[in-house]
Amino acid sequence: MSYRRRIYFTSEQKSEIWDRWQRGESMSSIGRGFDRDSSSIYPLLSRTGGIRPSKRNRSRLALTLDERELISRGISALHSIRSIAHELCRPASTVSREISRNGGYDKYRAVDAEHQAWVRALRPKPCKLSTNKLLRRVISNKLTIHWSPGQIAGWLKRKYPNEEHNQVSHETIYRSLFVQARGVLKKELMQYLRSKRTIRRSRHASLKRDGLGRIKDAVSIRERPASVEDRAVPGH
């Protein structure tokens, strides 16, 4: 039995796929651009519910790989934490925490510490819905009576005009539904959405605005000449 080889996309290719998806292209169209089936595009988009992941940026306060290399060399040379921190122009507490969370003096490795820093940065941050049980219950109840996320967001603003903690945008509701890694709103609630899509797609993201699917220079049926009514043969 033969197995299909798994397809991997580069960072540049992933970025282009998301660009084309947000412009309104179908998965089939995107797949053809990469000489792939739509089934190769779906896993990438569905992983985050059709919502483009935010670009990862390193905090200006975070240690860089070069700084971690200096820490590693300082440990090998048996330098003190204060000495290493002085060389980095960093607080000694920063260097101490960095070494402790990455194996200690005996096991610290710069490359491994850098990798773990990025892994920790991937952990989902708590959103407003995860910390507000009342708001979560209100939204769930409104969804079950077929209110759209837009209607819910508008109603919350009118209901709690001066309580920002009880307000949430429609996009946050969609994200909580489609990105199940957040674990905030149950997946079963998606059945109450008016759109039955399994992944998120903005109603504004459509190539129809650019003429896709339209007949060029089409003439409305209302403008057809009167002589057409006199044609006896179908398809004349």
C-alpha atoms as a PDB file:
ATOM      1  CA  MET A   1       0.000   0.000   0.000  1.00  0.00           C
ATOM      2  CA  SER A   2       1.491   3.321  -1.058  1.00  0.00           C
ATOM      3  CA  TYR A   3       1.133   6.504   0.945  1.00  0.00           C
ATOM      4  CA  ARG A   4       1.095  10.032  -0.379  1.00  0.00           C
ATOM      5  CA  ARG A   5       4.111  12.084   0.596  1.00  0.00           C
ATOM      6  CA  ARG A   6       3.264  14.838   3.054  1.00  0.00           C
ATOM      7  CA  ILE A   7       3.421  18.313   1.552  1.00  0.00           C
ATOM      8  CA  TYR A   8       5.283  21.063   3.383  1.00  0.00           C
ATOM      9  CA  PHE A   9       4.971  24.744   2.502  1.00  0.00           C
ATOM     10  CA  THR A  10       7.678  27.315   3.149  1.00  0.00           C
ATOM     11  CA  SER A  11       6.971  30.441   5.188  1.00  0.00           C
ATOM     12  CA  GLU A  12       6.774  32.474   1.984  1.00  0.00           C
ATOM     13  CA  GLN A  13       4.317  30.018   0.428  1.00  0.00           C
ATOM     14  CA  LYS A  14       2.141  30.012   3.564  1.00  0.00           C
ATOM     15  CA  SER A  15       2.061  33.802   3.491  1.00  0.00           C
ATOM     16  CA  GLU A  16       1.001  33.778  -0.171  1.00  0.00           C
ATOM     17  CA  ILE A  17      -1.724  31.212   0.550  1.00  0.00           C
ATOM     18  CA  TRP A  18      -3.160  33.399   3.313  1.00  0.00           C
ATOM     19  CA  ASP A  19      -2.951  36.492   1.066  1.00  0.00           C
ATOM     20  CA  ARG A  20      -4.896  34.742  -1.687  1.00  0.00           C
ATOM     21  CA  TRP A  21      -7.438  33.317   0.760  1.00  0.00           C
ATOM     22  CA  GLN A  22      -8.081  36.773   2.236  1.00  0.00           C
ATOM     23  CA  ARG A  23      -8.493  38.200  -1.267  1.00  0.00           C
ATOM     24  CA  GLY A  24     -11.333  35.735  -1.791  1.00  0.00           C
ATOM     25  CA  GLU A  25      -9.789  32.936  -3.844  1.00  0.00           C
ATOM     26  CA  SER A  26     -11.140  29.433  -3.422  1.00  0.00           C
ATOM     27  CA  MET A  27      -9.002  26.585  -2.127  1.00  0.00           C
ATOM     28  CA  SER A  28      -9.115  24.983  -5.565  1.00  0.00           C
ATOM     29  CA  SER A  29      -7.804  28.159  -7.174  1.00  0.00           C
ATOM     30  CA  ILE A  30      -5.053  28.513  -4.588  1.00  0.00           C
ATOM     31  CA  GLY A  31      -4.113  24.852  -4.999  1.00  0.00           C
ATOM     32  CA  ARG A  32      -3.771  25.219  -8.763  1.00  0.00           C
ATOM     33  CA  GLY A  33      -1.336  28.066  -8.192  1.00  0.00           C
ATOM     34  CA  PHE A  34       0.931  25.650  -6.311  1.00  0.00           C
ATOM     35  CA  ASP A  35       0.177  22.648  -8.546  1.00  0.00           C
ATOM     36  CA  ARG A  36      -1.621  21.014  -5.610  1.00  0.00           C
ATOM     37  CA  ASP A  37      -5.127  19.788  -4.834  1.00  0.00           C
ATOM     38  CA  SER A  38      -7.404  21.820  -2.605  1.00  0.00           C
ATOM     39  CA  SER A  39      -7.010  19.039  -0.025  1.00  0.00           C
ATOM     40  CA  SER A  40      -3.420  20.223   0.454  1.00  0.00           C
ATOM     41  CA  ILE A  41      -4.552  23.778   1.194  1.00  0.00           C
ATOM     42  CA  TYR A  42      -7.391  22.948   3.591  1.00  0.00           C
ATOM     43  CA  PRO A  43      -5.248  21.686   6.528  1.00  0.00           C
ATOM     44  CA  LEU A  44      -3.255  24.915   6.622  1.00  0.00           C
ATOM     45  CA  LEU A  45      -6.363  27.119   6.632  1.00  0.00           C
ATOM     46  CA  SER A  46      -8.507  24.949   8.918  1.00  0.00           C
ATOM     47  CA  ARG A  47      -5.847  24.725  11.625  1.00  0.00           C
ATOM     48  CA  THR A  48      -6.841  28.222  12.772  1.00  0.00           C
ATOM     49  CA  GLY A  49     -10.420  28.129  11.519  1.00  0.00           C
ATOM     50  CA  GLY A  50      -9.708  30.113   8.350  1.00  0.00           C
ATOM     51  CA  ILE A  51      -8.406  33.028  10.434  1.00  0.00           C
ATOM     52  CA  ARG A  52      -4.915  34.170   9.575  1.00  0.00           C
ATOM     53  CA  PRO A  53      -2.524  33.728  12.527  1.00  0.00           C
ATOM     54  CA  SER A  54      -1.028  36.943  13.808  1.00  0.00           C
ATOM     55  CA  LYS A  55       2.567  37.530  12.849  1.00  0.00           C
ATOM     56  CA  ARG A  56       4.981  36.474  15.523  1.00  0.00           C
ATOM     57  CA  ASN A  57       7.208  39.264  16.794  1.00  0.00           C
ATOM     58  CA  ARG A  58       9.946  39.099  19.380  1.00  0.00           C
ATOM     59  CA  SER A  59       9.528  41.445  22.304  1.00  0.00           C
ATOM     60  CA  ARG A  60      12.217  44.098  22.497  1.00  0.00           C
ATOM     61  CA  LEU A  61      12.804  42.962  26.078  1.00  0.00           C
ATOM     62  CA  ALA A  62      13.379  39.320  25.177  1.00  0.00           C
ATOM     63  CA  LEU A  63      16.855  37.866  25.042  1.00  0.00           C
ATOM     64  CA  THR A  64      18.256  37.339  21.556  1.00  0.00           C
ATOM     65  CA  LEU A  65      20.095  34.250  20.314  1.00  0.00           C
ATOM     66  CA  ASP A  66      23.394  36.189  20.417  1.00  0.00           C
ATOM     67  CA  GLU A  67      22.780  37.069  24.066  1.00  0.00           C
ATOM     68  CA  ARG A  68      21.994  33.442  24.860  1.00  0.00           C
ATOM     69  CA  GLU A  69      25.237  32.432  23.185  1.00  0.00           C
ATOM     70  CA  LEU A  70      27.098  34.855  25.461  1.00  0.00           C
ATOM     71  CA  ILE A  71      25.370  33.332  28.485  1.00  0.00           C
ATOM     72  CA  SER A  72      26.371  29.852  27.339  1.00  0.00           C
ATOM     73  CA  ARG A  73      29.992  30.898  26.878  1.00  0.00           C
ATOM     74  CA  GLY A  74      29.970  32.648  30.254  1.00  0.00           C
ATOM     75  CA  ILE A  75      28.742  29.461  31.932  1.00  0.00           C
ATOM     76  CA  SER A  76      31.477  27.426  30.182  1.00  0.00           C
ATOM     77  CA  ALA A  77      34.068  29.926  31.433  1.00  0.00           C
ATOM     78  CA  LEU A  78      32.639  29.626  34.985  1.00  0.00           C
ATOM     79  CA  HIS A  79      31.727  33.316  35.111  1.00  0.00           C
ATOM     80  CA  SER A  80      29.281  34.470  37.775  1.00  0.00           C
ATOM     81  CA  ILE A  81      25.741  35.508  36.930  1.00  0.00           C
ATOM     82  CA  ARG A  82      26.550  39.101  37.797  1.00  0.00           C
ATOM     83  CA  SER A  83      29.565  39.040  35.506  1.00  0.00           C
ATOM     84  CA  ILE A  84      27.531  37.642  32.611  1.00  0.00           C
ATOM     85  CA  ALA A  85      24.730  40.129  33.244  1.00  0.00           C
ATOM     86  CA  HIS A  86      27.220  43.021  33.289  1.00  0.00           C
ATOM     87  CA  GLU A  87      28.581  41.939  29.896  1.00  0.00           C
ATOM     88  CA  LEU A  88      25.034  41.786  28.481  1.00  0.00           C
ATOM     89  CA  CYS A  89      23.954  45.051  30.145  1.00  0.00           C
ATOM     90  CA  ARG A  90      21.050  43.090  31.601  1.00  0.00           C
ATOM     91  CA  PRO A  91      19.806  42.706  35.190  1.00  0.00           C
ATOM     92  CA  ALA A  92      21.308  39.722  36.994  1.00  0.00           C
ATOM     93  CA  SER A  93      17.773  38.499  37.752  1.00  0.00           C
ATOM     94  CA  THR A  94      17.086  38.218  33.987  1.00  0.00           C
ATOM     95  CA  VAL A  95      20.142  36.035  33.439  1.00  0.00           C
ATOM     96  CA  SER A  96      19.358  33.935  36.512  1.00  0.00           C
ATOM     97  CA  ARG A  97      15.776  33.230  35.351  1.00  0.00           C
ATOM     98  CA  GLU A  98      17.009  32.429  31.836  1.00  0.00           C
ATOM     99  CA  ILE A  99      19.440  29.804  33.118  1.00  0.00           C
ATOM    100  CA  SER A 100      17.000  28.317  35.636  1.00  0.00           C
ATOM    101  CA  ARG A 101      14.135  27.833  33.171  1.00  0.00           C
ATOM    102  CA  ASN A 102      16.423  26.175  30.612  1.00  0.00           C
ATOM    103  CA  GLY A 103      18.122  23.388  32.521  1.00  0.00           C
ATOM    104  CA  GLY A 104      20.415  25.230  34.912  1.00  0.00           C
ATOM    105  CA  TYR A 105      24.197  25.581  34.739  1.00  0.00           C
ATOM    106  CA  ASP A 106      24.824  21.974  33.750  1.00  0.00           C
ATOM    107  CA  LYS A 107      22.314  21.702  30.902  1.00  0.00           C
ATOM    108  CA  TYR A 108      21.950  25.238  29.508  1.00  0.00           C
ATOM    109  CA  ARG A 109      22.305  25.399  25.718  1.00  0.00           C
ATOM    110  CA  ALA A 110      21.736  28.608  23.772  1.00  0.00           C
ATOM    111  CA  VAL A 111      19.991  27.024  20.762  1.00  0.00           C
ATOM    112  CA  ASP A 112      17.678  24.928  22.954  1.00  0.00           C
ATOM    113  CA  ALA A 113      16.856  27.958  25.105  1.00  0.00           C
ATOM    114  CA  GLU A 114      16.020  29.982  21.997  1.00  0.00           C
ATOM    115  CA  HIS A 115      13.722  27.246  20.710  1.00  0.00           C
ATOM    116  CA  GLN A 116      11.914  26.934  24.040  1.00  0.00           C
ATOM    117  CA  ALA A 117      11.428  30.706  24.175  1.00  0.00           C
ATOM    118  CA  TRP A 118       9.524  30.566  20.867  1.00  0.00           C
ATOM    119  CA  VAL A 119       7.511  27.551  22.069  1.00  0.00           C
ATOM    120  CA  ARG A 120       6.462  29.407  25.207  1.00  0.00           C
ATOM    121  CA  ALA A 121       5.480  32.405  23.098  1.00  0.00           C
ATOM    122  CA  LEU A 122       3.061  30.163  21.145  1.00  0.00           C
ATOM    123  CA  ARG A 123       0.917  29.471  24.187  1.00  0.00           C
ATOM    124  CA  PRO A 124      -2.520  31.033  23.640  1.00  0.00           C
ATOM    125  CA  LYS A 125      -3.114  34.172  25.648  1.00  0.00           C
ATOM    126  CA  PRO A 126      -6.361  34.279  27.659  1.00  0.00           C
ATOM    127  CA  CYS A 127      -9.061  36.264  25.881  1.00  0.00           C
ATOM    128  CA  LYS A 128     -11.907  38.242  27.440  1.00  0.00           C
ATOM    129  CA  LEU A 129     -14.416  35.413  26.997  1.00  0.00           C
ATOM    130  CA  SER A 130     -12.233  32.939  28.872  1.00  0.00           C
ATOM    131  CA  THR A 131     -12.200  35.127  31.970  1.00  0.00           C
ATOM    132  CA  ASN A 132     -15.828  36.318  31.930  1.00  0.00           C
ATOM    133  CA  LYS A 133     -18.236  33.459  32.601  1.00  0.00           C
ATOM    134  CA  LEU A 134     -21.349  35.664  32.483  1.00  0.00           C
ATOM    135  CA  LEU A 135     -20.415  37.133  29.099  1.00  0.00           C
ATOM    136  CA  ARG A 136     -19.684  33.671  27.744  1.00  0.00           C
ATOM    137  CA  ARG A 137     -23.085  32.393  28.857  1.00  0.00           C
ATOM    138  CA  VAL A 138     -24.936  35.389  27.387  1.00  0.00           C
ATOM    139  CA  ILE A 139     -23.238  34.921  24.008  1.00  0.00           C
ATOM    140  CA  SER A 140     -23.962  31.172  24.005  1.00  0.00           C
ATOM    141  CA  ASN A 141     -27.659  31.818  24.736  1.00  0.00           C
ATOM    142  CA  LYS A 142     -27.916  34.400  21.949  1.00  0.00           C
ATOM    143  CA  LEU A 143     -26.245  32.077  19.455  1.00  0.00           C
ATOM    144  CA  THR A 144     -28.725  29.285  20.222  1.00  0.00           C
ATOM    145  CA  ILE A 145     -31.616  31.571  19.226  1.00  0.00           C
ATOM    146  CA  HIS A 146     -29.824  32.290  15.944  1.00  0.00           C
ATOM    147  CA  TRP A 147     -28.478  35.752  16.689  1.00  0.00           C
ATOM    148  CA  SER A 148     -25.482  36.584  14.526  1.00  0.00           C
ATOM    149  CA  PRO A 149     -22.169  37.558  16.186  1.00  0.00           C
ATOM    150  CA  GLY A 150     -22.662  41.072  14.766  1.00  0.00           C
ATOM    151  CA  GLN A 151     -26.076  41.380  16.410  1.00  0.00           C
ATOM    152  CA  ILE A 152     -24.710  40.090  19.710  1.00  0.00           C
ATOM    153  CA  ALA A 153     -21.801  42.553  19.688  1.00  0.00           C
ATOM    154  CA  GLY A 154     -24.168  45.456  18.949  1.00  0.00           C
ATOM    155  CA  TRP A 155     -26.615  44.375  21.658  1.00  0.00           C
ATOM    156  CA  LEU A 156     -23.827  44.138  24.251  1.00  0.00           C
ATOM    157  CA  LYS A 157     -22.753  47.716  23.502  1.00  0.00           C
ATOM    158  CA  ARG A 158     -26.305  48.950  24.043  1.00  0.00           C
ATOM    159  CA  LYS A 159     -26.909  46.766  27.098  1.00  0.00           C
ATOM    160  CA  TYR A 160     -23.629  47.648  28.830  1.00  0.00           C
ATOM    161  CA  PRO A 161     -22.612  51.046  27.394  1.00  0.00           C
ATOM    162  CA  ASN A 162     -20.215  51.887  30.229  1.00  0.00           C
ATOM    163  CA  GLU A 163     -18.938  48.383  30.983  1.00  0.00           C
ATOM    164  CA  GLU A 164     -16.167  47.549  28.560  1.00  0.00           C
ATOM    165  CA  HIS A 165     -15.493  44.217  30.277  1.00  0.00           C
ATOM    166  CA  ASN A 166     -18.992  43.098  29.217  1.00  0.00           C
ATOM    167  CA  GLN A 167     -18.514  44.058  25.572  1.00  0.00           C
ATOM    168  CA  VAL A 168     -16.851  42.053  22.851  1.00  0.00           C
ATOM    169  CA  SER A 169     -16.444  42.432  19.085  1.00  0.00           C
ATOM    170  CA  HIS A 170     -18.134  40.149  16.579  1.00  0.00           C
ATOM    171  CA  GLU A 171     -14.694  39.086  15.338  1.00  0.00           C
ATOM    172  CA  THR A 172     -13.769  37.850  18.820  1.00  0.00           C
ATOM    173  CA  ILE A 173     -16.915  35.706  18.850  1.00  0.00           C
ATOM    174  CA  TYR A 174     -16.048  34.243  15.448  1.00  0.00           C
ATOM    175  CA  ARG A 175     -12.483  33.552  16.564  1.00  0.00           C
ATOM    176  CA  SER A 176     -13.687  31.819  19.717  1.00  0.00           C
ATOM    177  CA  LEU A 177     -15.896  29.565  17.593  1.00  0.00           C
ATOM    178  CA  PHE A 178     -13.578  28.779  14.697  1.00  0.00           C
ATOM    179  CA  VAL A 179     -10.278  28.620  16.594  1.00  0.00           C
ATOM    180  CA  GLN A 180     -11.149  25.758  18.937  1.00  0.00           C
ATOM    181  CA  ALA A 181      -7.696  25.833  20.540  1.00  0.00           C
ATOM    182  CA  ARG A 182      -9.014  28.749  22.572  1.00  0.00           C
ATOM    183  CA  GLY A 183     -11.487  26.411  24.246  1.00  0.00           C
ATOM    184  CA  VAL A 184     -13.916  29.235  25.026  1.00  0.00           C
ATOM    185  CA  LEU A 185     -17.144  28.645  23.075  1.00  0.00           C
ATOM    186  CA  LYS A 186     -18.191  25.080  22.338  1.00  0.00           C
ATOM    187  CA  LYS A 187     -17.889  23.879  18.760  1.00  0.00           C
ATOM    188  CA  GLU A 188     -21.541  22.751  18.830  1.00  0.00           C
ATOM    189  CA  LEU A 189     -22.612  26.406  18.787  1.00  0.00           C
ATOM    190  CA  MET A 190     -21.358  26.729  15.196  1.00  0.00           C
ATOM    191  CA  GLN A 191     -24.508  24.978  13.995  1.00  0.00           C
ATOM    192  CA  TYR A 192     -26.517  28.073  14.947  1.00  0.00           C
ATOM    193  CA  LEU A 193     -24.524  30.403  12.677  1.00  0.00           C
ATOM    194  CA  ARG A 194     -26.382  31.511   9.568  1.00  0.00           C
ATOM    195  CA  SER A 195     -23.380  30.564   7.471  1.00  0.00           C
ATOM    196  CA  LYS A 196     -22.722  26.829   7.693  1.00  0.00           C
ATOM    197  CA  ARG A 197     -19.038  27.107   6.839  1.00  0.00           C
ATOM    198  CA  THR A 198     -16.622  25.096   8.933  1.00  0.00           C
ATOM    199  CA  ILE A 199     -13.925  27.768   8.688  1.00  0.00           C
ATOM    200  CA  ARG A 200     -14.104  31.533   8.922  1.00  0.00           C
ATOM    201  CA  ARG A 201     -14.328  33.674   5.804  1.00  0.00           C
ATOM    202  CA  SER A 202     -15.158  37.341   5.752  1.00  0.00           C
ATOM    203  CA  ARG A 203     -18.231  38.267   3.732  1.00  0.00           C
ATOM    204  CA  HIS A 204     -16.119  41.029   2.193  1.00  0.00           C
ATOM    205  CA  ALA A 205     -13.505  38.589   0.904  1.00  0.00           C
ATOM    206  CA  SER A 206     -14.911  37.793  -2.521  1.00  0.00           C
ATOM    207  CA  LEU A 207     -13.447  38.028  -5.985  1.00  0.00           C
ATOM    208  CA  LYS A 208     -16.923  38.721  -7.357  1.00  0.00           C
ATOM    209  CA  ARG A 209     -16.214  42.374  -6.697  1.00  0.00           C
ATOM    210  CA  ASP A 210     -13.475  42.080  -9.313  1.00  0.00           C
ATOM    211  CA  GLY A 211     -15.789  40.527 -11.876  1.00  0.00           C
ATOM    212  CA  LEU A 212     -15.093  36.844 -11.244  1.00  0.00           C
ATOM    213  CA  GLY A 213     -18.067  34.752 -12.369  1.00  0.00           C
ATOM    214  CA  ARG A 214     -19.657  37.563 -14.347  1.00  0.00           C
ATOM    215  CA  ILE A 215     -20.210  37.722 -18.116  1.00  0.00           C
ATOM    216  CA  LYS A 216     -18.222  40.565 -19.579  1.00  0.00           C
ATOM    217  CA  ASP A 217     -20.389  43.302 -21.159  1.00  0.00           C
ATOM    218  CA  ALA A 218     -23.520  41.312 -20.282  1.00  0.00           C
ATOM    219  CA  VAL A 219     -26.898  42.735 -21.392  1.00  0.00           C
ATOM    220  CA  SER A 220     -29.803  42.490 -18.972  1.00  0.00           C
ATOM    221  CA  ILE A 221     -32.743  40.335 -20.056  1.00  0.00           C
ATOM    222  CA  ARG A 222     -34.933  43.390 -19.519  1.00  0.00           C
ATOM    223  CA  GLU A 223     -33.088  45.143 -22.345  1.00  0.00           C
ATOM    224  CA  ARG A 224     -33.596  42.453 -25.004  1.00  0.00           C
ATOM    225  CA  PRO A 225     -35.280  43.617 -28.219  1.00  0.00           C
ATOM    226  CA  ALA A 226     -39.021  43.098 -28.741  1.00  0.00           C
ATOM    227  CA  SER A 227     -38.315  40.953 -31.817  1.00  0.00           C
ATOM    228  CA  VAL A 228     -37.157  38.161 -29.533  1.00  0.00           C
ATOM    229  CA  GLU A 229     -40.774  37.528 -28.519  1.00  0.00           C
ATOM    230  CA  ASP A 230     -41.629  36.727 -32.160  1.00  0.00           C
ATOM    231  CA  ARG A 231     -39.055  33.962 -32.492  1.00  0.00           C
ATOM    232  CA  ALA A 232     -40.859  30.685 -33.136  1.00  0.00           C
ATOM    233  CA  VAL A 233     -37.959  28.245 -32.829  1.00  0.00           C
ATOM    234  CA  PRO A 234     -36.499  27.646 -29.363  1.00  0.00           C
ATOM    235  CA  GLY A 235     -32.847  28.497 -29.257  1.00  0.00           C
ATOM    236  CA  HIS A 236     -33.110  30.658 -32.408  1.00  0.00           C
END
